[in-house]
Amino acid sequence: MAESMSGRILAIACAMTKVDESERETLTLLCAAQEEALEKQLRDGVSKEMCESAFICAAAFLAAAALESARAGGEELSSLRAGDLTVTKRSAGEGSRRLNALREQAWALMRPYTKDGAFCFFGVQG
């Protein structure tokens, strides 16, 4: 019997993150959440089976990025405060660039199959 799509997503994410047994449940949940989120972004008339390879890779990339981000405990912040105004800058370290690259690759794979998410007004009078 062929492995389920969810099982394949988890297998790829496990390989990418070198997850140990203590993190496996977390990664399993992240994979399921990413699979659901991606499925909701699919265009009308497109099923995850129609873009199976891209869907599996994208969900695995997004889950791996989420786990790596959690492992890192967030990013370094620096801030400047002047009166009521605070400016905060996140450092883009090597880990952050890798996570962004994983996310970008995932969305690039899914771009032909997903809604663009653009915002526009229809029928709004000025």
Protein backbone atom coordinates (compact mmCIF):
# COMPACT_ATOMS: atom_id res chain seq x y z
CA MET A 1 0.00 0.00 0.00
CA ALA A 2 1.27 3.45 -0.90
CA GLU A 3 2.15 5.83 1.90
CA SER A 4 -0.42 8.56 2.55
CA MET A 5 0.25 12.13 1.51
CA SER A 6 0.41 13.15 5.19
CA GLY A 7 2.94 10.41 5.86
CA ARG A 8 5.11 11.56 2.97
CA ILE A 9 4.98 15.17 4.17
CA LEU A 10 6.08 14.05 7.65
CA ALA A 11 8.85 11.83 6.26
CA ILE A 12 10.36 14.70 4.25
CA ALA A 13 10.06 17.16 7.13
CA CYS A 14 11.71 14.63 9.49
CA ALA A 15 14.61 14.18 7.08
CA MET A 16 15.04 17.93 6.64
CA THR A 17 15.02 18.72 10.36
CA LYS A 18 16.77 15.60 11.66
CA VAL A 19 14.02 15.46 14.28
CA ASP A 20 14.51 13.29 17.35
CA GLU A 21 11.78 11.33 19.12
CA SER A 22 11.11 14.15 21.61
CA GLU A 23 10.17 16.53 18.76
CA ARG A 24 8.35 14.08 16.50
CA GLU A 25 4.88 14.80 17.90
CA THR A 26 5.40 18.54 17.48
CA LEU A 27 6.56 18.07 13.90
CA THR A 28 3.61 15.76 13.18
CA LEU A 29 1.22 18.49 14.34
CA LEU A 30 3.08 21.16 12.35
CA CYS A 31 2.87 19.01 9.22
CA ALA A 32 -0.87 18.48 9.68
CA ALA A 33 -1.41 22.20 10.25
CA GLN A 34 0.61 23.16 7.17
CA GLU A 35 -1.22 20.59 5.07
CA GLU A 36 -4.58 22.04 6.15
CA ALA A 37 -3.44 25.63 5.61
CA LEU A 38 -2.10 24.89 2.14
CA GLU A 39 -5.24 23.02 1.16
CA LYS A 40 -7.33 26.07 2.11
CA GLN A 41 -5.18 28.22 -0.17
CA LEU A 42 -5.77 26.09 -3.26
CA ARG A 43 -7.68 27.70 -6.10
CA ASP A 44 -11.23 26.58 -6.76
CA GLY A 45 -11.19 23.38 -8.78
CA VAL A 46 -7.66 22.42 -7.69
CA SER A 47 -7.20 19.51 -5.30
CA LYS A 48 -4.03 18.64 -3.44
CA GLU A 49 -3.87 15.43 -5.47
CA MET A 50 -3.68 17.48 -8.69
CA CYS A 51 -0.45 19.12 -7.53
CA GLU A 52 0.71 16.29 -5.29
CA SER A 53 4.49 16.62 -5.65
CA ALA A 54 4.52 20.37 -5.15
CA PHE A 55 1.97 20.12 -2.33
CA ILE A 56 3.96 17.50 -0.41
CA CYS A 57 7.24 19.39 -0.73
CA ALA A 58 5.68 22.76 0.13
CA ALA A 59 3.92 21.44 3.25
CA ALA A 60 7.13 19.71 4.38
CA PHE A 61 9.21 22.86 3.78
CA LEU A 62 6.75 25.01 5.75
CA ALA A 63 6.57 22.53 8.63
CA ALA A 64 10.38 22.24 8.74
CA ALA A 65 10.70 26.04 8.77
CA ALA A 66 8.17 26.27 11.61
CA LEU A 67 10.05 23.69 13.69
CA GLU A 68 13.42 25.31 13.02
CA SER A 69 11.98 28.68 14.01
CA ALA A 70 10.65 27.21 17.26
CA ARG A 71 14.02 25.57 17.94
CA ALA A 72 15.78 28.90 17.45
CA GLY A 73 13.45 30.55 19.92
CA GLY A 74 12.79 33.47 17.62
CA GLU A 75 15.18 36.01 16.22
CA GLU A 76 17.48 38.57 17.82
CA LEU A 77 15.88 41.94 18.29
CA SER A 78 17.35 45.36 18.72
CA SER A 79 15.26 48.42 19.40
CA LEU A 80 15.41 52.18 19.74
CA ARG A 81 12.91 54.14 21.78
CA ALA A 82 12.36 57.89 21.51
CA GLY A 83 9.43 59.14 23.57
CA ASP A 84 6.32 57.27 22.46
CA LEU A 85 7.99 55.86 19.35
CA THR A 86 9.79 52.51 19.36
CA VAL A 87 11.63 51.14 16.32
CA THR A 88 12.50 47.44 16.41
CA LYS A 89 14.82 45.62 14.03
CA ARG A 90 15.07 41.86 13.65
CA SER A 91 18.48 40.55 12.71
CA ALA A 92 18.58 38.36 9.64
CA GLY A 93 21.12 35.79 10.69
CA GLU A 94 22.02 32.69 8.70
CA GLY A 95 19.24 30.67 10.31
CA SER A 96 16.68 33.34 9.51
CA ARG A 97 17.77 33.44 5.87
CA ARG A 98 17.47 29.65 5.64
CA LEU A 99 13.96 29.72 7.10
CA ASN A 100 12.91 32.49 4.71
CA ALA A 101 14.36 30.53 1.79
CA LEU A 102 12.39 27.42 2.79
CA ARG A 103 9.18 29.43 3.00
CA GLU A 104 9.85 31.16 -0.32
CA GLN A 105 10.54 27.82 -2.02
CA ALA A 106 7.30 26.39 -0.63
CA TRP A 107 5.21 29.27 -1.93
CA ALA A 108 7.05 29.30 -5.26
CA LEU A 109 6.13 25.63 -5.72
CA MET A 110 2.49 26.32 -4.88
CA ARG A 111 2.09 29.62 -6.76
CA PRO A 112 0.47 28.03 -9.84
CA TYR A 113 -2.10 26.24 -7.69
CA THR A 114 -3.03 28.75 -4.98
CA LYS A 115 -5.06 31.91 -4.66
CA ASP A 116 -2.83 34.95 -4.90
CA GLY A 117 -4.09 36.46 -1.65
CA ALA A 118 -4.08 39.94 -3.15
CA PHE A 119 -6.39 42.52 -1.64
CA CYS A 120 -8.56 44.76 -3.77
CA PHE A 121 -11.77 46.75 -3.54
CA PHE A 122 -14.77 45.92 -5.73
CA GLY A 123 -17.68 48.30 -6.09
CA VAL A 124 -16.39 50.78 -3.51
CA GLN A 125 -17.29 54.35 -4.29
CA GLY A 126 -14.79 57.04 -3.36
